[in-house]
Structure formats: C-alpha cells, structure tokens
Amino acid sequence: MRILWLLLAFSALACPQSQEYNPIYRDPGGIFSRQPNAFLVETVRQRKPGRALDVGMGQGRNSIFLAQQGWDVTGFDPADEGVRQARAEAARLGVRVSAEVNTFENFAFGESRWDLIVITYEPTKAIAPKVVRALKLGGAVVVEDRHLDTKRVWPAGTFEDNELITLFPGLRVLRYEDVWARPDWSARGVDERLVRLVAEKPQPKPDGCLWNGKPVAAGDSTCWETSLLRCRTDGWQFTRERCSR
C-alpha cells in the first residue's frame, strides 16, 4: 500500500492537474497540511479583506482561513475530491467559500478582478501573465513553492535563483524569501529550499505633494526654514528663492 501511495504521489507531482490527487486526498494519513500556509497568514494580517482567489485550493485550508478573516473567497482545483472536502469543511465551520472543480487552463481569471491571489505549490510559471491581468490595482499575489535545490533532498523543485521575481513584471515586490524550511506538505518531513513572494499591483501615483500630512497641488510652494520648496509632478524641489516671512 505504501508503494502504491508513493506511485500516486509521483504521478500527481508529474501531472499537477491529474485526478490522481483524489486518492491522496481520501487518505486520512495523507501528507497534506490542513493548516493555512504560514506565509499567507503573516502576509494578510495587515491587508484589508476583499476578493481573494485560491489557485489549486486542494482541501481548502487557505480558502477557509481567508473566509474566516472576512475575505470573499473563490477557490478552484482540478481534483473533485479536494473541492468536495473544501466545501464540506467550509459548511461545517459556517463560512462561505465559492469552490469549483476547474483546471488552471480553463478557469476564468478575469481582468482587474481580485484583491488577492494565492498560489502555493502550483504551476505559477504557466499562469503568471493571467495573474498580473487579474489583479486589481493595489491587489497582491502571494506565492510559495520549491527551489530547484530541493532536489538535493527530494525529487521536486521548480525555481532557479531569483526566478520567481521575474514572473511578475510591473508588480512591486513587497517581500521575497529564499530559505531552507519545512514545506506545508512533505513526503519525508524534512526541510526543503523554498521561495516565497508577495508582489503588489501598483496604484496610480497621486498628483501633487504632501506637507505635514496635507495635500499640496503641483505648482504650489511652501516654506521650510528660509528656503522655498515648490511642488512638481515628481515631488518637492528646492528653489533658489528665499522665503519671506
């Protein structure tokens, strides 16, 4: 039975959208964590809840956590058993999660639709352009996955050094980590090399400047000591003029 389970696991790793995940999800002693991703928990602590998408939701651990924090959550996964369990657990806990059986190719990510997109151990490279388009201004993507160096301890891995950052051009990197740590799920229960990213779709820059917390229109000026500062489109600039008091 152990050999069969390992064969199923390898098959699922080789083909992430395969229904081979279903028997693994049914295994009560499976390797998948039921706790939300710790990096995600830390990331959303200071973010205002909005619309969130959980890519490859599995059994719903991250979706349910976000719903409990007040997020309007949609999750999808190609494995119908994982989605079934996610729906059942959300119902048991009395939280609302929209969960659907779908593939990464066919799911309608949309445009400017999500305040948060979560991708943990899923095909980030394949869907990165869709993710950038799907984020609202000010929205963020949270990613955790394996570095290729993980193959030193286990036959899995995705990213080269700093590769993850390059997948989201135009997004502002808020946090990036490259660490040896215990992943959310592991067949061997050992530390692996993980990469983690939080990147945000920038808001348009506001016009004008700020002075003592108050807005100042472009072209206006103010005094600092005896120097006259003028607000330009790119911020404050010193002038050669002196302030008259």
Protein backbone atom coordinates (compact mmCIF):
# COMPACT_ATOMS: atom_id res chain seq x y z
CA MET A 1 0.00 0.00 0.00
CA ARG A 2 2.87 2.36 0.80
CA ILE A 3 4.42 1.74 -2.61
CA LEU A 4 1.07 2.40 -4.30
CA TRP A 5 0.70 5.66 -2.40
CA LEU A 6 4.17 6.80 -3.45
CA LEU A 7 3.44 5.97 -7.08
CA LEU A 8 0.28 8.04 -6.88
CA ALA A 9 2.21 10.90 -5.31
CA PHE A 10 4.85 10.86 -8.03
CA SER A 11 2.16 10.77 -10.68
CA ALA A 12 0.46 13.79 -9.15
CA LEU A 13 3.74 15.70 -9.00
CA ALA A 14 4.43 14.92 -12.63
CA CYS A 15 0.93 15.96 -13.70
CA PRO A 16 -0.43 18.52 -11.19
CA GLN A 17 -3.92 18.56 -12.70
CA SER A 18 -4.26 14.79 -12.66
CA GLN A 19 -7.16 13.15 -10.87
CA GLU A 20 -4.50 11.03 -9.17
CA TYR A 21 -4.72 13.58 -6.37
CA ASN A 22 -8.14 12.22 -5.42
CA PRO A 23 -6.95 9.01 -3.69
CA ILE A 24 -4.28 11.00 -1.87
CA TYR A 25 -6.91 13.42 -0.57
CA ARG A 26 -9.01 10.45 0.58
CA ASP A 27 -6.10 9.02 2.58
CA PRO A 28 -6.73 10.03 6.25
CA GLY A 29 -3.00 9.77 6.94
CA GLY A 30 -2.03 11.90 3.92
CA ILE A 31 0.81 14.37 3.79
CA PHE A 32 -1.23 17.47 3.02
CA SER A 33 -1.42 20.05 5.80
CA ARG A 34 -4.86 21.12 6.99
CA GLN A 35 -3.46 24.36 8.43
CA PRO A 36 -3.29 27.58 6.38
CA ASN A 37 0.03 28.48 4.84
CA ALA A 38 2.03 30.37 7.47
CA PHE A 39 3.49 32.83 4.95
CA LEU A 40 -0.02 33.67 3.75
CA VAL A 41 -1.27 34.13 7.32
CA GLU A 42 1.54 36.60 8.01
CA THR A 43 1.06 38.40 4.70
CA VAL A 44 -2.66 39.16 5.00
CA ARG A 45 -2.51 40.25 8.63
CA GLN A 46 -2.27 43.93 7.63
CA ARG A 47 -4.30 43.77 4.41
CA LYS A 48 -7.91 44.88 4.18
CA PRO A 49 -10.16 41.94 3.17
CA GLY A 50 -11.54 41.97 -0.34
CA ARG A 51 -11.98 39.42 -3.13
CA ALA A 52 -9.48 36.55 -2.96
CA LEU A 53 -8.67 33.72 -5.35
CA ASP A 54 -7.08 30.48 -4.13
CA VAL A 55 -5.40 28.76 -7.09
CA GLY A 56 -5.30 24.99 -6.68
CA MET A 57 -7.25 25.12 -3.43
CA GLY A 58 -6.90 21.40 -2.64
CA GLN A 59 -8.86 20.65 0.52
CA GLY A 60 -9.47 24.34 1.13
CA ARG A 61 -7.14 25.16 4.02
CA ASN A 62 -6.15 28.60 2.68
CA SER A 63 -9.60 29.45 1.32
CA ILE A 64 -11.28 28.68 4.63
CA PHE A 65 -8.71 30.70 6.58
CA LEU A 66 -9.24 33.73 4.34
CA ALA A 67 -13.03 33.43 4.60
CA GLN A 68 -12.71 33.37 8.39
CA GLN A 69 -10.80 36.66 8.15
CA GLY A 70 -13.59 38.31 6.18
CA TRP A 71 -12.42 37.75 2.61
CA ASP A 72 -14.83 36.97 -0.23
CA VAL A 73 -13.10 33.78 -1.41
CA THR A 74 -13.20 31.78 -4.61
CA GLY A 75 -11.08 28.65 -4.97
CA PHE A 76 -10.68 26.07 -7.68
CA ASP A 77 -8.89 22.79 -8.15
CA PRO A 78 -8.93 20.07 -10.83
CA ALA A 79 -9.32 17.34 -8.18
CA ASP A 80 -13.00 16.97 -7.37
CA GLU A 81 -12.31 15.16 -4.09
CA GLY A 82 -10.32 18.11 -2.77
CA VAL A 83 -13.09 20.52 -3.74
CA ARG A 84 -15.69 18.27 -2.12
CA GLN A 85 -13.74 18.24 1.14
CA ALA A 86 -13.26 22.02 0.99
CA ARG A 87 -16.98 22.59 0.60
CA ALA A 88 -17.80 20.19 3.43
CA GLU A 89 -15.29 21.79 5.82
CA ALA A 90 -16.46 25.31 4.99
CA ALA A 91 -20.05 24.24 5.67
CA ARG A 92 -19.04 22.61 8.94
CA LEU A 93 -17.30 25.79 10.09
CA GLY A 94 -20.11 28.04 8.86
CA VAL A 95 -18.02 30.10 6.43
CA ARG A 96 -18.76 30.88 2.81
CA VAL A 97 -16.29 29.72 0.15
CA SER A 98 -17.06 29.50 -3.56
CA ALA A 99 -15.30 26.28 -4.60
CA GLU A 100 -15.29 24.83 -8.09
CA VAL A 101 -13.72 21.96 -9.98
CA ASN A 102 -11.69 23.53 -12.76
CA THR A 103 -8.27 23.47 -14.39
CA PHE A 104 -5.61 26.15 -14.49
CA GLU A 105 -6.05 26.46 -18.25
CA ASN A 106 -9.83 26.82 -18.21
CA PHE A 107 -10.52 28.90 -15.12
CA ALA A 108 -11.59 32.46 -15.98
CA PHE A 109 -9.12 34.60 -14.02
CA GLY A 110 -10.65 37.75 -15.46
CA GLU A 111 -9.17 41.24 -15.50
CA SER A 112 -8.81 43.59 -12.51
CA ARG A 113 -10.97 41.18 -10.54
CA TRP A 114 -9.05 40.14 -7.39
CA ASP A 115 -7.56 41.91 -4.37
CA LEU A 116 -5.53 38.81 -3.50
CA ILE A 117 -4.38 35.75 -5.43
CA VAL A 118 -2.82 32.84 -3.55
CA ILE A 119 -0.58 30.31 -5.33
CA THR A 120 1.04 27.68 -3.12
CA TYR A 121 2.89 24.81 -4.80
CA GLU A 122 1.05 25.27 -8.10
CA PRO A 123 2.13 25.99 -11.73
CA THR A 124 2.97 29.66 -11.18
CA LYS A 125 5.05 29.94 -14.35
CA ALA A 126 2.16 28.88 -16.57
CA ILE A 127 -0.39 31.29 -15.12
CA ALA A 128 1.72 34.33 -14.14
CA PRO A 129 0.52 36.55 -17.05
CA LYS A 130 -3.10 35.76 -16.18
CA VAL A 131 -2.43 36.63 -12.55
CA VAL A 132 -0.99 40.05 -13.37
CA ARG A 133 -4.01 40.92 -15.52
CA ALA A 134 -6.46 39.56 -12.94
CA LEU A 135 -5.21 41.65 -10.01
CA LYS A 136 -6.93 44.88 -9.12
CA LEU A 137 -4.82 47.97 -8.60
CA GLY A 138 -3.36 47.56 -5.14
CA GLY A 139 -4.02 43.82 -5.20
CA ALA A 140 -1.31 41.32 -4.30
CA VAL A 141 -0.17 37.85 -5.29
CA VAL A 142 1.25 35.51 -2.65
CA VAL A 143 3.40 32.60 -3.82
CA GLU A 144 5.22 29.78 -2.06
CA ASP A 145 6.97 26.96 -3.92
CA ARG A 146 10.13 24.85 -4.09
CA HIS A 147 13.54 25.92 -5.35
CA LEU A 148 15.28 23.50 -7.71
CA ASP A 149 17.87 22.94 -4.98
CA THR A 150 15.21 20.92 -3.15
CA LYS A 151 16.20 18.08 -5.47
CA ARG A 152 19.22 17.56 -3.25
CA VAL A 153 16.85 16.10 -0.62
CA TRP A 154 13.73 15.14 -2.58
CA PRO A 155 12.88 14.80 -6.31
CA ALA A 156 10.91 18.03 -6.61
CA GLY A 157 11.66 21.66 -7.39
CA THR A 158 10.58 24.49 -9.67
CA PHE A 159 12.53 27.75 -9.44
CA GLU A 160 16.11 28.84 -10.02
CA ASP A 161 17.73 31.66 -8.04
CA ASN A 162 15.54 34.79 -8.14
CA GLU A 163 13.46 33.36 -11.00
CA LEU A 164 10.16 33.77 -9.18
CA ILE A 165 10.57 37.56 -9.02
CA THR A 166 10.91 37.80 -12.80
CA LEU A 167 7.49 36.24 -13.47
CA PHE A 168 5.53 39.34 -12.46
CA PRO A 169 6.89 42.34 -14.39
CA GLY A 170 5.21 45.55 -13.39
CA LEU A 171 4.35 44.36 -9.89
CA ARG A 172 6.04 45.86 -6.87
CA VAL A 173 7.91 43.25 -4.82
CA LEU A 174 6.98 43.73 -1.17
CA ARG A 175 8.74 40.65 0.15
CA TYR A 176 10.88 37.83 -1.20
CA GLU A 177 12.39 34.91 0.70
CA ASP A 178 14.70 32.07 -0.30
CA VAL A 179 15.09 29.76 2.69
CA TRP A 180 15.55 26.18 3.83
CA ALA A 181 12.38 25.40 5.78
CA ARG A 182 9.71 22.76 6.27
CA PRO A 183 7.11 22.96 3.48
CA ASP A 184 3.38 22.73 4.11
CA TRP A 185 3.41 19.13 2.90
CA SER A 186 6.33 16.78 2.59
CA ALA A 187 6.58 13.07 1.92
CA ARG A 188 9.73 12.83 4.04
CA GLY A 189 9.13 15.52 6.63
CA VAL A 190 12.44 17.30 6.01
CA ASP A 191 13.44 20.89 5.34
CA GLU A 192 13.45 21.90 1.68
CA ARG A 193 14.60 25.02 -0.13
CA LEU A 194 11.55 27.24 -0.53
CA VAL A 195 10.93 30.52 -2.33
CA ARG A 196 8.23 32.95 -1.22
CA LEU A 197 6.95 36.14 -2.78
CA VAL A 198 4.49 38.93 -2.11
CA ALA A 199 4.09 41.34 -5.03
CA GLU A 200 1.55 44.13 -5.45
CA LYS A 201 -0.02 45.80 -8.48
CA PRO A 202 0.86 49.48 -8.01
CA GLN A 203 -1.79 52.12 -7.56
CA PRO A 204 -1.56 55.22 -9.79
CA LYS A 205 0.62 57.85 -8.18
CA PRO A 206 -1.48 60.70 -6.73
CA ASP A 207 -1.00 64.19 -8.09
CA GLY A 208 0.73 66.82 -6.02
CA CYS A 209 2.71 66.57 -2.79
CA LEU A 210 2.18 66.30 0.94
CA TRP A 211 3.32 68.74 3.60
CA ASN A 212 2.66 68.00 7.26
CA GLY A 213 0.12 65.42 6.13
CA LYS A 214 -1.86 67.88 3.98
CA PRO A 215 -2.09 67.77 0.15
CA VAL A 216 -0.32 70.43 -1.88
CA ALA A 217 -1.11 70.90 -5.57
CA ALA A 218 1.60 70.70 -8.20
CA GLY A 219 2.95 74.20 -8.85
CA ASP A 220 2.30 75.43 -5.31
CA SER A 221 5.09 76.17 -2.86
CA THR A 222 5.78 76.21 0.85
CA CYS A 223 8.49 77.44 3.20
CA TRP A 224 10.98 75.29 5.02
CA GLU A 225 13.04 77.41 7.35
CA THR A 226 14.19 80.17 4.96
CA SER A 227 14.09 78.02 1.80
CA LEU A 228 11.22 77.97 -0.66
CA LEU A 229 10.14 74.48 -1.81
CA ARG A 230 7.99 74.04 -4.90
CA CYS A 231 5.79 71.02 -5.60
CA ARG A 232 6.49 69.48 -9.01
CA THR A 233 4.90 66.47 -10.68
CA ASP A 234 7.71 64.26 -9.34
CA GLY A 235 7.69 65.72 -5.81
CA TRP A 236 9.25 68.56 -3.83
CA GLN A 237 12.17 70.55 -5.22
CA PHE A 238 14.36 73.23 -3.69
CA THR A 239 14.28 76.60 -5.43
CA ARG A 240 16.80 79.42 -5.38
CA GLU A 241 14.18 81.67 -3.86
CA ARG A 242 14.12 82.57 -0.20
CA CYS A 243 11.04 82.60 1.93
CA SER A 244 9.75 85.93 3.07
CA ARG A 245 8.15 85.87 6.45
